[in-house]
Each structure stands twice: as C-alpha cells, then as structure tokens.
C-alpha cells in the first residue's frame, strides 16, 4: 500500500486510515521496528492492563484462593534442606 508522508509541524508523519487502525487494533502507541531497510509498525498491546484492579476485586470477593496445594502430600522437603 502506498501512502504519502505528511508535514506535521517541524516533523513529518504517516496518516493511517480508521480502517487500518481498527483492523490492527492500533490505539495510542505503536512499536517501530527498524530492520533491513524497512520500518515495521506493530500495535502495542496491553494484555495486563487493569490487572491490579481486577486482582483487588478478586480479593474482595474471596476469589483469589489457591486452586491446588502449593505442597503435594507425597513431596519430600528434606531433599531441599
């Protein structure tokens, strides 16, 4: 796809269409990768965004219990001492 470089103040930039922004889930920031004579633009995802708040809610609801014991019944702890 060919696109024009546009003037933005003293700099220049690329204008991305709404369709491209939505298709590639591009929000406020992108990752620029400079590689072998090309520039790759990748969306920055935030998979752990708001986790702190969600963990707080889990704690308040009592949903933060272990699903399995942290020590197994047949585990020999002496070999670690």
N, C-alpha and C. Protein backbone atom coordinates (compact mmCIF):
# COMPACT_ATOMS: atom_id res chain seq x y z
N UNK A 1 0.83 -1.17 0.00
CA UNK A 1 0.00 0.00 0.00
C UNK A 1 0.88 1.24 0.00
N UNK A 2 0.62 2.15 -0.87
CA UNK A 2 1.39 3.39 -0.94
C UNK A 2 0.63 4.47 -0.19
N UNK A 3 1.37 5.25 0.59
CA UNK A 3 0.78 6.37 1.33
C UNK A 3 1.76 7.53 1.35
N UNK A 4 1.23 8.73 1.49
CA UNK A 4 2.07 9.93 1.46
C UNK A 4 2.61 10.25 2.85
N UNK A 5 3.80 10.84 2.85
CA UNK A 5 4.37 11.39 4.07
C UNK A 5 3.84 12.81 4.19
N UNK A 6 3.27 13.15 5.35
CA UNK A 6 2.68 14.48 5.52
C UNK A 6 3.47 15.31 6.52
N UNK A 7 3.39 16.62 6.37
CA UNK A 7 4.08 17.54 7.27
C UNK A 7 3.23 17.70 8.53
N UNK A 8 3.88 17.58 9.69
CA UNK A 8 3.23 17.78 10.98
C UNK A 8 4.14 18.70 11.78
N UNK A 9 3.87 19.99 11.76
CA UNK A 9 4.74 20.96 12.42
C UNK A 9 6.11 20.95 11.76
N UNK A 10 7.17 20.77 12.56
CA UNK A 10 8.53 20.68 12.02
C UNK A 10 8.90 19.25 11.65
N UNK A 11 7.98 18.33 11.84
CA UNK A 11 8.25 16.91 11.57
C UNK A 11 7.42 16.44 10.39
N UNK A 12 7.53 15.17 10.10
CA UNK A 12 6.71 14.53 9.08
C UNK A 12 6.17 13.23 9.65
N UNK A 13 5.07 12.76 9.09
CA UNK A 13 4.47 11.54 9.63
C UNK A 13 3.63 10.83 8.60
N UNK A 14 3.05 9.73 9.03
CA UNK A 14 2.15 8.93 8.21
C UNK A 14 0.74 9.09 8.74
N UNK A 15 -0.22 9.14 7.87
CA UNK A 15 -1.61 9.16 8.28
C UNK A 15 -2.17 7.76 8.00
N UNK A 16 -2.72 7.15 9.05
CA UNK A 16 -3.32 5.82 8.91
C UNK A 16 -4.83 5.96 8.94
N UNK A 17 -5.48 5.26 8.05
CA UNK A 17 -6.95 5.34 7.98
C UNK A 17 -7.59 4.68 9.19
N UNK A 18 -8.81 5.07 9.46
CA UNK A 18 -9.58 4.48 10.56
C UNK A 18 -9.71 2.97 10.37
N UNK A 19 -9.86 2.54 9.13
CA UNK A 19 -9.98 1.11 8.82
C UNK A 19 -8.74 0.34 9.26
N UNK A 20 -7.57 0.88 8.95
CA UNK A 20 -6.31 0.23 9.33
C UNK A 20 -6.16 0.23 10.85
N UNK A 21 -6.46 1.36 11.48
CA UNK A 21 -6.35 1.45 12.93
C UNK A 21 -7.23 0.42 13.62
N UNK A 22 -8.45 0.27 13.14
CA UNK A 22 -9.38 -0.70 13.73
C UNK A 22 -8.96 -2.14 13.43
N UNK A 23 -8.58 -2.39 12.19
CA UNK A 23 -8.22 -3.76 11.79
C UNK A 23 -7.04 -4.31 12.59
N UNK A 24 -6.05 -3.44 12.87
CA UNK A 24 -4.86 -3.89 13.57
C UNK A 24 -4.85 -3.48 15.04
N UNK A 25 -6.01 -3.00 15.52
CA UNK A 25 -6.20 -2.64 16.92
C UNK A 25 -5.11 -1.68 17.41
N UNK A 26 -4.87 -0.64 16.62
CA UNK A 26 -3.88 0.38 16.97
C UNK A 26 -4.59 1.46 17.75
N UNK A 27 -4.08 1.72 18.96
CA UNK A 27 -4.70 2.73 19.84
C UNK A 27 -3.83 3.98 19.85
N UNK A 28 -3.14 4.23 20.96
CA UNK A 28 -2.37 5.46 21.13
C UNK A 28 -0.90 5.33 20.77
N UNK A 29 -0.35 4.13 20.87
CA UNK A 29 1.08 3.95 20.64
C UNK A 29 1.31 2.74 19.74
N UNK A 30 2.44 2.79 19.02
CA UNK A 30 2.86 1.66 18.20
C UNK A 30 4.33 1.37 18.48
N UNK A 31 4.76 0.20 18.13
CA UNK A 31 6.16 -0.19 18.24
C UNK A 31 6.76 -0.10 16.84
N UNK A 32 7.83 0.70 16.69
CA UNK A 32 8.51 0.81 15.39
C UNK A 32 9.72 -0.11 15.42
N UNK A 33 9.82 -0.98 14.46
CA UNK A 33 10.95 -1.90 14.35
C UNK A 33 11.71 -1.54 13.08
N UNK A 34 12.96 -1.16 13.24
CA UNK A 34 13.80 -0.79 12.10
C UNK A 34 14.64 -2.01 11.75
N UNK A 35 14.43 -2.53 10.55
CA UNK A 35 15.02 -3.82 10.21
C UNK A 35 15.30 -3.94 8.71
N UNK A 36 16.54 -4.18 8.35
CA UNK A 36 16.93 -4.49 6.97
C UNK A 36 16.28 -3.57 5.94
N UNK A 37 16.44 -2.26 6.13
CA UNK A 37 15.94 -1.32 5.15
C UNK A 37 14.44 -1.12 5.16
N UNK A 38 13.77 -1.57 6.20
CA UNK A 38 12.33 -1.37 6.28
C UNK A 38 11.92 -0.96 7.68
N UNK A 39 10.78 -0.33 7.79
CA UNK A 39 10.21 0.06 9.07
C UNK A 39 8.93 -0.73 9.27
N UNK A 40 8.85 -1.45 10.35
CA UNK A 40 7.67 -2.24 10.66
C UNK A 40 6.92 -1.54 11.79
N UNK A 41 5.64 -1.34 11.61
CA UNK A 41 4.80 -0.71 12.62
C UNK A 41 3.91 -1.80 13.23
N UNK A 42 4.04 -1.99 14.55
CA UNK A 42 3.24 -3.01 15.23
C UNK A 42 2.45 -2.35 16.35
N UNK A 43 1.19 -2.76 16.52
CA UNK A 43 0.42 -2.22 17.63
C UNK A 43 1.01 -2.69 18.95
N UNK A 44 0.92 -1.83 19.96
CA UNK A 44 1.36 -2.22 21.30
C UNK A 44 0.12 -2.68 22.05
N UNK A 45 0.15 -3.92 22.45
CA UNK A 45 -0.98 -4.43 23.22
C UNK A 45 -0.65 -4.35 24.71
N UNK A 46 -1.66 -4.25 25.50
CA UNK A 46 -1.50 -4.19 26.96
C UNK A 46 -2.29 -5.34 27.59
N UNK A 47 -1.78 -6.56 27.46
CA UNK A 47 -2.55 -7.71 27.96
C UNK A 47 -2.78 -7.69 29.46
N UNK A 48 -1.95 -6.98 30.21
CA UNK A 48 -2.11 -6.97 31.66
C UNK A 48 -2.70 -5.66 32.17
N UNK A 49 -3.26 -4.88 31.26
CA UNK A 49 -3.86 -3.61 31.64
C UNK A 49 -5.01 -3.87 32.62
N UNK A 50 -5.06 -3.09 33.67
CA UNK A 50 -6.10 -3.16 34.70
C UNK A 50 -6.04 -4.42 35.55
N UNK A 51 -4.99 -5.21 35.49
CA UNK A 51 -4.89 -6.42 36.30
C UNK A 51 -4.92 -6.09 37.78
N UNK A 52 -4.26 -5.00 38.18
CA UNK A 52 -4.20 -4.65 39.60
C UNK A 52 -5.62 -4.47 40.15
N UNK A 53 -6.46 -3.77 39.43
CA UNK A 53 -7.84 -3.55 39.85
C UNK A 53 -8.61 -4.87 39.89
N UNK A 54 -8.42 -5.71 38.88
CA UNK A 54 -9.11 -7.00 38.84
C UNK A 54 -8.67 -7.91 39.99
N UNK A 55 -7.38 -7.90 40.31
CA UNK A 55 -6.90 -8.70 41.45
C UNK A 55 -7.49 -8.19 42.76
N UNK A 56 -7.64 -6.87 42.89
CA UNK A 56 -8.24 -6.30 44.09
C UNK A 56 -9.69 -6.78 44.23
N UNK A 57 -10.43 -6.78 43.11
CA UNK A 57 -11.82 -7.25 43.13
C UNK A 57 -11.88 -8.73 43.50
N UNK A 58 -10.96 -9.53 42.94
CA UNK A 58 -10.92 -10.96 43.28
C UNK A 58 -10.70 -11.15 44.77
N UNK A 59 -9.80 -10.38 45.34
CA UNK A 59 -9.52 -10.49 46.77
C UNK A 59 -10.75 -10.13 47.59
N UNK A 60 -11.42 -9.05 47.22
CA UNK A 60 -12.62 -8.63 47.94
C UNK A 60 -13.72 -9.68 47.86
N UNK A 61 -13.82 -10.37 46.72
CA UNK A 61 -14.85 -11.40 46.53
C UNK A 61 -14.44 -12.77 47.06
N UNK A 62 -13.20 -12.89 47.54
CA UNK A 62 -12.70 -14.19 48.01
C UNK A 62 -12.40 -15.16 46.89
N UNK A 63 -12.18 -14.64 45.68
CA UNK A 63 -11.92 -15.48 44.52
C UNK A 63 -10.43 -15.71 44.26
N UNK A 64 -9.58 -15.33 45.21
CA UNK A 64 -8.13 -15.44 44.99
C UNK A 64 -7.52 -16.59 45.78
N UNK A 65 -8.28 -17.66 45.94
CA UNK A 65 -7.80 -18.85 46.67
C UNK A 65 -7.00 -19.73 45.72
N UNK A 66 -6.05 -20.49 46.31
CA UNK A 66 -5.28 -21.44 45.51
C UNK A 66 -6.18 -22.52 44.95
N UNK A 67 -5.97 -22.90 43.73
CA UNK A 67 -6.75 -23.96 43.11
C UNK A 67 -6.17 -25.34 43.42
N UNK A 68 -4.91 -25.36 43.84
CA UNK A 68 -4.27 -26.61 44.24
C UNK A 68 -3.26 -26.29 45.34
N UNK A 69 -2.94 -27.28 46.15
CA UNK A 69 -1.98 -27.07 47.22
C UNK A 69 -0.63 -26.67 46.67
N UNK A 70 0.07 -25.81 47.42
CA UNK A 70 1.40 -25.41 46.96
C UNK A 70 2.46 -26.45 47.32
N UNK A 71 2.11 -27.41 48.19
CA UNK A 71 2.99 -28.53 48.53
C UNK A 71 2.17 -29.80 48.38
N UNK A 72 2.69 -30.77 47.65
CA UNK A 72 2.00 -32.03 47.46
C UNK A 72 2.22 -32.94 48.66
N UNK A 73 1.22 -33.77 48.94
CA UNK A 73 1.27 -34.65 50.11
C UNK A 73 2.48 -35.58 50.10
N UNK A 74 2.88 -36.06 48.94
CA UNK A 74 3.99 -37.01 48.85
C UNK A 74 5.32 -36.33 48.56
N UNK A 75 5.37 -35.01 48.69
CA UNK A 75 6.60 -34.29 48.38
C UNK A 75 7.59 -34.44 49.54
N UNK A 76 8.86 -34.70 49.18
CA UNK A 76 9.91 -34.86 50.18
C UNK A 76 10.67 -33.54 50.29
N UNK A 77 10.37 -32.78 51.35
CA UNK A 77 11.00 -31.48 51.53
C UNK A 77 12.41 -31.58 52.08
N UNK A 78 12.77 -32.76 52.65
CA UNK A 78 14.11 -32.92 53.24
C UNK A 78 15.21 -32.82 52.21
N UNK A 79 14.93 -33.21 50.98
CA UNK A 79 15.97 -33.16 49.95
C UNK A 79 16.34 -31.72 49.58
N UNK A 80 15.56 -30.75 50.01
CA UNK A 80 15.83 -29.35 49.73
C UNK A 80 16.59 -28.66 50.88
N UNK A 81 16.78 -29.36 51.99
CA UNK A 81 17.48 -28.74 53.13
C UNK A 81 18.91 -29.18 53.20
